Each structure stands twice: as structure tokens, then as C-alpha cells.
Amino acid sequence: MLSTFVAAVAAPAAQAAKSNPLIDFLPLIVLVVVFYFLLIRPQSKRAKEQKKMIAELARGDEVIAAGILARVENVGEHFLTLEIADNVHIRVQKGAVTTVVPKGTMKSA
């Protein structure tokens, strides 16, 4: 009698082990795809826009760099010279520029 009980319990366990491996990984695959579209893709798009903005900086542009409103005086390969007030210049890395603001913003501020 015990052997029939063991056989009855073992039979469904053997059938359950034959599931499709692709179905087992489907939730993980869906999670990776959702993660890509919600996090990775938008971040890479923002990084590309930031890189383009920095590459297009020119003398006279008004920018916000590290929270400081300034006018671009000189553009080097890795650094910018910014004028933050009359005859007050600072050098910052190009990556410090977060936003290009409309011209005339410094006069109104």
C-alpha cells in the first residue's frame, strides 16, 4: 500500500520537471526588456543630447555650469573659460555645463 502512495506522489513530480525552459525564463526576459526601455534607453538619449550640447558650445553662449550662471569666453578641448561677472573669469570642465540658457539671461538676472 505504501508503494502505491509513493508511486502516485512521484508521478506528478516527474511530469512537472518536464516544463519548457523558455517558459521558465520568460519573466526574466520580460523584466530585462522593461528595464531597458524604462531606464537604459532614456538615460543614453539624455547623455547623447548632453554631449551634443557641449560640442556646440561657442563664445558668447550663456550657460549654467555647476549652478553658476555665466557667459562662455573661450572654448578649449576639455575646459571652458566662463565670465561670471565683469572681469571675473573661471575655468571649468566642459562636463560641468548643465544647461544653455537664452542670450540676455545674465543681464536680466
C-alpha atoms as a PDB file:
ATOM      1  CA  MET A   1       0.000   0.000   0.000  1.00  0.00           C
ATOM      2  CA  LEU A   2       2.817   2.390   0.777  1.00  0.00           C
ATOM      3  CA  SER A   3       4.433   1.705  -2.580  1.00  0.00           C
ATOM      4  CA  THR A   4       1.293   2.782  -4.478  1.00  0.00           C
ATOM      5  CA  PHE A   5       1.165   6.010  -2.457  1.00  0.00           C
ATOM      6  CA  VAL A   6       4.835   6.744  -3.246  1.00  0.00           C
ATOM      7  CA  ALA A   7       4.247   5.971  -6.925  1.00  0.00           C
ATOM      8  CA  ALA A   8       1.224   8.278  -7.017  1.00  0.00           C
ATOM      9  CA  VAL A   9       3.209  11.146  -5.464  1.00  0.00           C
ATOM     10  CA  ALA A  10       6.299  10.627  -7.634  1.00  0.00           C
ATOM     11  CA  ALA A  11       4.388  10.599 -10.946  1.00  0.00           C
ATOM     12  CA  PRO A  12       3.208  14.270 -10.870  1.00  0.00           C
ATOM     13  CA  ALA A  13       6.664  15.385  -9.726  1.00  0.00           C
ATOM     14  CA  ALA A  14       8.231  13.747 -12.762  1.00  0.00           C
ATOM     15  CA  GLN A  15       5.731  15.433 -15.069  1.00  0.00           C
ATOM     16  CA  ALA A  16       6.375  18.852 -13.534  1.00  0.00           C
ATOM     17  CA  ALA A  17      10.103  18.568 -14.217  1.00  0.00           C
ATOM     18  CA  LYS A  18       9.462  18.413 -17.984  1.00  0.00           C
ATOM     19  CA  SER A  19       8.402  22.085 -18.347  1.00  0.00           C
ATOM     20  CA  ASN A  20       9.781  24.206 -21.167  1.00  0.00           C
ATOM     21  CA  PRO A  21      12.960  26.086 -20.090  1.00  0.00           C
ATOM     22  CA  LEU A  22      11.996  29.072 -22.242  1.00  0.00           C
ATOM     23  CA  ILE A  23       8.783  29.494 -20.266  1.00  0.00           C
ATOM     24  CA  ASP A  24      10.797  29.393 -17.038  1.00  0.00           C
ATOM     25  CA  PHE A  25      12.992  32.294 -18.219  1.00  0.00           C
ATOM     26  CA  LEU A  26      10.167  34.325 -19.769  1.00  0.00           C
ATOM     27  CA  PRO A  27       9.574  36.545 -16.676  1.00  0.00           C
ATOM     28  CA  LEU A  28      13.296  37.323 -16.521  1.00  0.00           C
ATOM     29  CA  ILE A  29      13.386  38.193 -20.226  1.00  0.00           C
ATOM     30  CA  VAL A  30      10.352  40.463 -19.859  1.00  0.00           C
ATOM     31  CA  LEU A  31      11.980  42.174 -16.873  1.00  0.00           C
ATOM     32  CA  VAL A  32      15.177  42.863 -18.843  1.00  0.00           C
ATOM     33  CA  VAL A  33      13.196  44.327 -21.762  1.00  0.00           C
ATOM     34  CA  VAL A  34      11.154  46.572 -19.455  1.00  0.00           C
ATOM     35  CA  PHE A  35      14.326  47.651 -17.631  1.00  0.00           C
ATOM     36  CA  TYR A  36      15.932  48.570 -20.968  1.00  0.00           C
ATOM     37  CA  PHE A  37      13.023  50.695 -22.188  1.00  0.00           C
ATOM     38  CA  LEU A  38      12.350  52.419 -18.851  1.00  0.00           C
ATOM     39  CA  LEU A  39      15.894  53.084 -17.631  1.00  0.00           C
ATOM     40  CA  ILE A  40      18.744  52.440 -20.040  1.00  0.00           C
ATOM     41  CA  ARG A  41      17.344  53.873 -23.269  1.00  0.00           C
ATOM     42  CA  PRO A  42      16.173  57.239 -21.827  1.00  0.00           C
ATOM     43  CA  GLN A  43      19.466  57.681 -19.972  1.00  0.00           C
ATOM     44  CA  SER A  44      21.533  57.070 -23.101  1.00  0.00           C
ATOM     45  CA  LYS A  45      19.313  59.520 -25.006  1.00  0.00           C
ATOM     46  CA  ARG A  46      19.910  62.212 -22.351  1.00  0.00           C
ATOM     47  CA  ALA A  47      23.655  61.537 -22.419  1.00  0.00           C
ATOM     48  CA  LYS A  48      23.704  61.893 -26.211  1.00  0.00           C
ATOM     49  CA  GLU A  49      21.823  65.223 -26.011  1.00  0.00           C
ATOM     50  CA  GLN A  50      24.219  66.496 -23.309  1.00  0.00           C
ATOM     51  CA  LYS A  51      27.250  65.527 -25.406  1.00  0.00           C
ATOM     52  CA  LYS A  52      25.785  67.304 -28.451  1.00  0.00           C
ATOM     53  CA  MET A  53      25.051  70.445 -26.404  1.00  0.00           C
ATOM     54  CA  ILE A  54      28.617  70.552 -25.068  1.00  0.00           C
ATOM     55  CA  ALA A  55      30.084  70.052 -28.551  1.00  0.00           C
ATOM     56  CA  GLU A  56      28.052  73.006 -29.892  1.00  0.00           C
ATOM     57  CA  LEU A  57      29.168  75.499 -27.213  1.00  0.00           C
ATOM     58  CA  ALA A  58      30.567  78.718 -28.665  1.00  0.00           C
ATOM     59  CA  ARG A  59      31.914  82.044 -27.415  1.00  0.00           C
ATOM     60  CA  GLY A  60      29.092  84.263 -26.168  1.00  0.00           C
ATOM     61  CA  ASP A  61      26.726  81.465 -25.179  1.00  0.00           C
ATOM     62  CA  GLU A  62      25.177  81.841 -21.748  1.00  0.00           C
ATOM     63  CA  VAL A  63      25.241  78.685 -19.668  1.00  0.00           C
ATOM     64  CA  ILE A  64      24.643  77.277 -16.224  1.00  0.00           C
ATOM     65  CA  ALA A  65      27.728  75.406 -15.063  1.00  0.00           C
ATOM     66  CA  ALA A  66      27.728  73.807 -11.613  1.00  0.00           C
ATOM     67  CA  GLY A  67      24.850  76.097 -10.636  1.00  0.00           C
ATOM     68  CA  ILE A  68      26.648  79.263 -11.771  1.00  0.00           C
ATOM     69  CA  LEU A  69      25.175  81.471 -14.498  1.00  0.00           C
ATOM     70  CA  ALA A  70      27.998  82.507 -16.838  1.00  0.00           C
ATOM     71  CA  ARG A  71      28.939  83.576 -20.363  1.00  0.00           C
ATOM     72  CA  VAL A  72      31.357  81.447 -22.401  1.00  0.00           C
ATOM     73  CA  GLU A  73      34.531  83.400 -23.183  1.00  0.00           C
ATOM     74  CA  ASN A  74      36.811  80.671 -24.521  1.00  0.00           C
ATOM     75  CA  VAL A  75      36.234  77.072 -25.583  1.00  0.00           C
ATOM     76  CA  GLY A  76      39.150  74.667 -25.243  1.00  0.00           C
ATOM     77  CA  GLU A  77      39.408  70.959 -25.857  1.00  0.00           C
ATOM     78  CA  HIS A  78      38.474  69.955 -22.304  1.00  0.00           C
ATOM     79  CA  PHE A  79      37.889  73.254 -20.471  1.00  0.00           C
ATOM     80  CA  LEU A  80      35.825  76.419 -20.857  1.00  0.00           C
ATOM     81  CA  THR A  81      36.633  79.903 -19.655  1.00  0.00           C
ATOM     82  CA  LEU A  82      33.481  81.459 -18.264  1.00  0.00           C
ATOM     83  CA  GLU A  83      32.794  85.064 -17.306  1.00  0.00           C
ATOM     84  CA  ILE A  84      30.594  85.118 -14.211  1.00  0.00           C
ATOM     85  CA  ALA A  85      30.777  88.900 -13.659  1.00  0.00           C
ATOM     86  CA  ASP A  86      32.638  91.842 -15.212  1.00  0.00           C
ATOM     87  CA  ASN A  87      36.323  90.839 -15.405  1.00  0.00           C
ATOM     88  CA  VAL A  88      35.751  87.721 -13.281  1.00  0.00           C
ATOM     89  CA  HIS A  89      36.671  84.556 -15.176  1.00  0.00           C
ATOM     90  CA  ILE A  90      36.750  80.919 -14.132  1.00  0.00           C
ATOM     91  CA  ARG A  91      37.857  77.753 -15.912  1.00  0.00           C
ATOM     92  CA  VAL A  92      35.625  74.704 -15.692  1.00  0.00           C
ATOM     93  CA  GLN A  93      35.451  71.344 -17.376  1.00  0.00           C
ATOM     94  CA  LYS A  94      33.020  71.145 -20.263  1.00  0.00           C
ATOM     95  CA  GLY A  95      31.100  68.446 -18.413  1.00  0.00           C
ATOM     96  CA  ALA A  96      30.171  70.959 -15.707  1.00  0.00           C
ATOM     97  CA  VAL A  97      27.807  72.721 -18.119  1.00  0.00           C
ATOM     98  CA  THR A  98      24.280  71.546 -17.453  1.00  0.00           C
ATOM     99  CA  THR A  99      22.161  73.979 -19.472  1.00  0.00           C
ATOM    100  CA  VAL A 100      22.487  76.546 -22.237  1.00  0.00           C
ATOM    101  CA  VAL A 101      20.182  79.449 -21.395  1.00  0.00           C
ATOM    102  CA  PRO A 102      18.773  82.072 -23.807  1.00  0.00           C
ATOM    103  CA  LYS A 103      21.048  85.033 -24.512  1.00  0.00           C
ATOM    104  CA  GLY A 104      20.279  88.028 -22.327  1.00  0.00           C
ATOM    105  CA  THR A 105      19.575  85.926 -19.260  1.00  0.00           C
ATOM    106  CA  MET A 106      22.651  87.281 -17.457  1.00  0.00           C
ATOM    107  CA  LYS A 107      21.523  90.881 -17.943  1.00  0.00           C
ATOM    108  CA  SER A 108      18.075  90.172 -16.532  1.00  0.00           C
ATOM    109  CA  ALA A 109      19.408  88.171 -13.564  1.00  0.00           C
END
